[in-house]
């Protein structure tokens, strides 16, 4: 069996919770959160009134693409408000 010939890993795989940004990267993520990435749902009708969450705005690709960046940003920064807003969108999408 091929698996029997494999040696033990020399590096320990990290879980997502063990990865924390700091320094320059942390500041860049904070800039994103303070800018459009972190606030798009507050003012852009295609996001905040999207049919994905029961609204009447088309923009079908916008919400998933925005969430694809917004959710990791919320969790990397451990931002409770952003996580709450992400949960709102996920719950609304799943419940439809």
C-alpha atoms as a PDB file:
ATOM      1  CA  UNK A   1       0.000   0.000   0.000  1.00  0.00           C
ATOM      2  CA  UNK A   2       1.369   3.417  -1.001  1.00  0.00           C
ATOM      3  CA  UNK A   3       0.201   5.171   2.198  1.00  0.00           C
ATOM      4  CA  UNK A   4       2.439   2.945   4.316  1.00  0.00           C
ATOM      5  CA  UNK A   5       5.494   4.466   2.604  1.00  0.00           C
ATOM      6  CA  UNK A   6       4.567   8.068   3.429  1.00  0.00           C
ATOM      7  CA  UNK A   7       6.631   9.806   6.054  1.00  0.00           C
ATOM      8  CA  UNK A   8       5.146  11.852   8.866  1.00  0.00           C
ATOM      9  CA  UNK A   9       4.414  15.499   8.074  1.00  0.00           C
ATOM     10  CA  UNK A  10       7.222  17.806   9.121  1.00  0.00           C
ATOM     11  CA  UNK A  11       4.855  20.774   9.376  1.00  0.00           C
ATOM     12  CA  UNK A  12       1.588  20.866  11.265  1.00  0.00           C
ATOM     13  CA  UNK A  13      -1.412  21.913   9.131  1.00  0.00           C
ATOM     14  CA  UNK A  14      -3.068  25.062  10.446  1.00  0.00           C
ATOM     15  CA  UNK A  15      -6.763  25.485  11.054  1.00  0.00           C
ATOM     16  CA  UNK A  16      -8.525  28.633   9.890  1.00  0.00           C
ATOM     17  CA  UNK A  17      -8.741  29.874  13.494  1.00  0.00           C
ATOM     18  CA  UNK A  18      -4.958  29.770  13.853  1.00  0.00           C
ATOM     19  CA  UNK A  19      -4.324  32.240  11.034  1.00  0.00           C
ATOM     20  CA  UNK A  20      -4.392  35.838  12.264  1.00  0.00           C
ATOM     21  CA  UNK A  21      -3.337  38.817  10.141  1.00  0.00           C
ATOM     22  CA  UNK A  22      -1.007  41.387  11.659  1.00  0.00           C
ATOM     23  CA  UNK A  23       1.147  44.311  10.629  1.00  0.00           C
ATOM     24  CA  UNK A  24       0.748  45.570   7.090  1.00  0.00           C
ATOM     25  CA  UNK A  25      -1.785  42.891   6.114  1.00  0.00           C
ATOM     26  CA  UNK A  26      -4.005  43.641   9.113  1.00  0.00           C
ATOM     27  CA  UNK A  27      -4.005  47.332   8.203  1.00  0.00           C
ATOM     28  CA  UNK A  28      -4.939  46.560   4.585  1.00  0.00           C
ATOM     29  CA  UNK A  29      -7.870  44.429   5.759  1.00  0.00           C
ATOM     30  CA  UNK A  30      -8.987  47.221   8.094  1.00  0.00           C
ATOM     31  CA  UNK A  31      -8.863  49.675   5.190  1.00  0.00           C
ATOM     32  CA  UNK A  32     -11.060  47.308   3.157  1.00  0.00           C
ATOM     33  CA  UNK A  33     -13.507  46.950   6.040  1.00  0.00           C
ATOM     34  CA  UNK A  34     -13.722  50.724   6.469  1.00  0.00           C
ATOM     35  CA  UNK A  35     -14.224  51.229   2.718  1.00  0.00           C
ATOM     36  CA  UNK A  36     -16.502  49.754   0.076  1.00  0.00           C
ATOM     37  CA  UNK A  37     -15.898  46.101   0.909  1.00  0.00           C
ATOM     38  CA  UNK A  38     -17.126  46.522   4.456  1.00  0.00           C
ATOM     39  CA  UNK A  39     -20.009  48.881   3.725  1.00  0.00           C
ATOM     40  CA  UNK A  40     -21.437  48.042   0.305  1.00  0.00           C
ATOM     41  CA  UNK A  41     -24.557  46.497   1.825  1.00  0.00           C
ATOM     42  CA  UNK A  42     -25.386  49.745   3.598  1.00  0.00           C
ATOM     43  CA  UNK A  43     -25.965  51.825   0.493  1.00  0.00           C
ATOM     44  CA  UNK A  44     -25.876  49.926  -2.820  1.00  0.00           C
ATOM     45  CA  UNK A  45     -29.421  48.842  -3.755  1.00  0.00           C
ATOM     46  CA  UNK A  46     -28.134  45.892  -5.813  1.00  0.00           C
ATOM     47  CA  UNK A  47     -26.791  44.437  -2.558  1.00  0.00           C
ATOM     48  CA  UNK A  48     -29.131  45.638   0.167  1.00  0.00           C
ATOM     49  CA  UNK A  49     -32.306  45.102  -1.904  1.00  0.00           C
ATOM     50  CA  UNK A  50     -31.166  42.086  -3.911  1.00  0.00           C
ATOM     51  CA  UNK A  51     -33.540  39.333  -4.970  1.00  0.00           C
ATOM     52  CA  UNK A  52     -31.101  36.986  -3.236  1.00  0.00           C
ATOM     53  CA  UNK A  53     -32.523  38.220   0.076  1.00  0.00           C
ATOM     54  CA  UNK A  54     -36.100  38.899  -0.993  1.00  0.00           C
ATOM     55  CA  UNK A  55     -35.703  42.368  -2.486  1.00  0.00           C
ATOM     56  CA  UNK A  56     -36.561  43.536  -5.982  1.00  0.00           C
ATOM     57  CA  UNK A  57     -33.136  44.394  -7.431  1.00  0.00           C
ATOM     58  CA  UNK A  58     -31.633  42.108 -10.061  1.00  0.00           C
ATOM     59  CA  UNK A  59     -27.803  42.199  -9.888  1.00  0.00           C
ATOM     60  CA  UNK A  60     -27.704  38.422  -9.454  1.00  0.00           C
ATOM     61  CA  UNK A  61     -23.930  38.103  -9.376  1.00  0.00           C
ATOM     62  CA  UNK A  62     -23.274  41.003  -7.039  1.00  0.00           C
ATOM     63  CA  UNK A  63     -24.347  39.542  -3.691  1.00  0.00           C
ATOM     64  CA  UNK A  64     -22.433  36.234  -4.008  1.00  0.00           C
ATOM     65  CA  UNK A  65     -19.285  37.985  -5.246  1.00  0.00           C
ATOM     66  CA  UNK A  66     -19.526  40.564  -2.461  1.00  0.00           C
ATOM     67  CA  UNK A  67     -20.111  37.868   0.182  1.00  0.00           C
ATOM     68  CA  UNK A  68     -17.140  35.914  -1.179  1.00  0.00           C
ATOM     69  CA  UNK A  69     -14.910  38.741   0.014  1.00  0.00           C
ATOM     70  CA  UNK A  70     -17.009  40.112   2.874  1.00  0.00           C
ATOM     71  CA  UNK A  71     -17.309  36.903   4.909  1.00  0.00           C
ATOM     72  CA  UNK A  72     -13.562  36.135   5.084  1.00  0.00           C
ATOM     73  CA  UNK A  73     -12.907  39.808   5.844  1.00  0.00           C
ATOM     74  CA  UNK A  74     -15.394  39.732   8.729  1.00  0.00           C
ATOM     75  CA  UNK A  75     -13.847  36.615  10.242  1.00  0.00           C
ATOM     76  CA  UNK A  76     -10.209  37.589   9.681  1.00  0.00           C
ATOM     77  CA  UNK A  77     -10.885  40.843  11.522  1.00  0.00           C
ATOM     78  CA  UNK A  78     -13.160  39.125  14.051  1.00  0.00           C
ATOM     79  CA  UNK A  79     -15.589  42.003  13.527  1.00  0.00           C
ATOM     80  CA  UNK A  80     -18.881  41.226  15.288  1.00  0.00           C
ATOM     81  CA  UNK A  81     -20.934  43.729  13.275  1.00  0.00           C
ATOM     82  CA  UNK A  82     -19.643  42.398   9.963  1.00  0.00           C
ATOM     83  CA  UNK A  83     -20.191  38.788  11.071  1.00  0.00           C
ATOM     84  CA  UNK A  84     -23.763  39.663  12.084  1.00  0.00           C
ATOM     85  CA  UNK A  85     -24.408  41.272   8.693  1.00  0.00           C
ATOM     86  CA  UNK A  86     -22.887  38.290   6.868  1.00  0.00           C
ATOM     87  CA  UNK A  87     -25.122  35.940   8.862  1.00  0.00           C
ATOM     88  CA  UNK A  88     -28.162  38.002   7.881  1.00  0.00           C
ATOM     89  CA  UNK A  89     -27.378  37.505   4.177  1.00  0.00           C
ATOM     90  CA  UNK A  90     -26.563  33.812   4.518  1.00  0.00           C
ATOM     91  CA  UNK A  91     -29.718  33.140   6.556  1.00  0.00           C
ATOM     92  CA  UNK A  92     -31.856  35.103   4.081  1.00  0.00           C
ATOM     93  CA  UNK A  93     -30.405  33.220   1.109  1.00  0.00           C
ATOM     94  CA  UNK A  94     -30.763  29.780   2.702  1.00  0.00           C
ATOM     95  CA  UNK A  95     -34.327  30.424   3.851  1.00  0.00           C
ATOM     96  CA  UNK A  96     -35.557  31.355   0.355  1.00  0.00           C
END
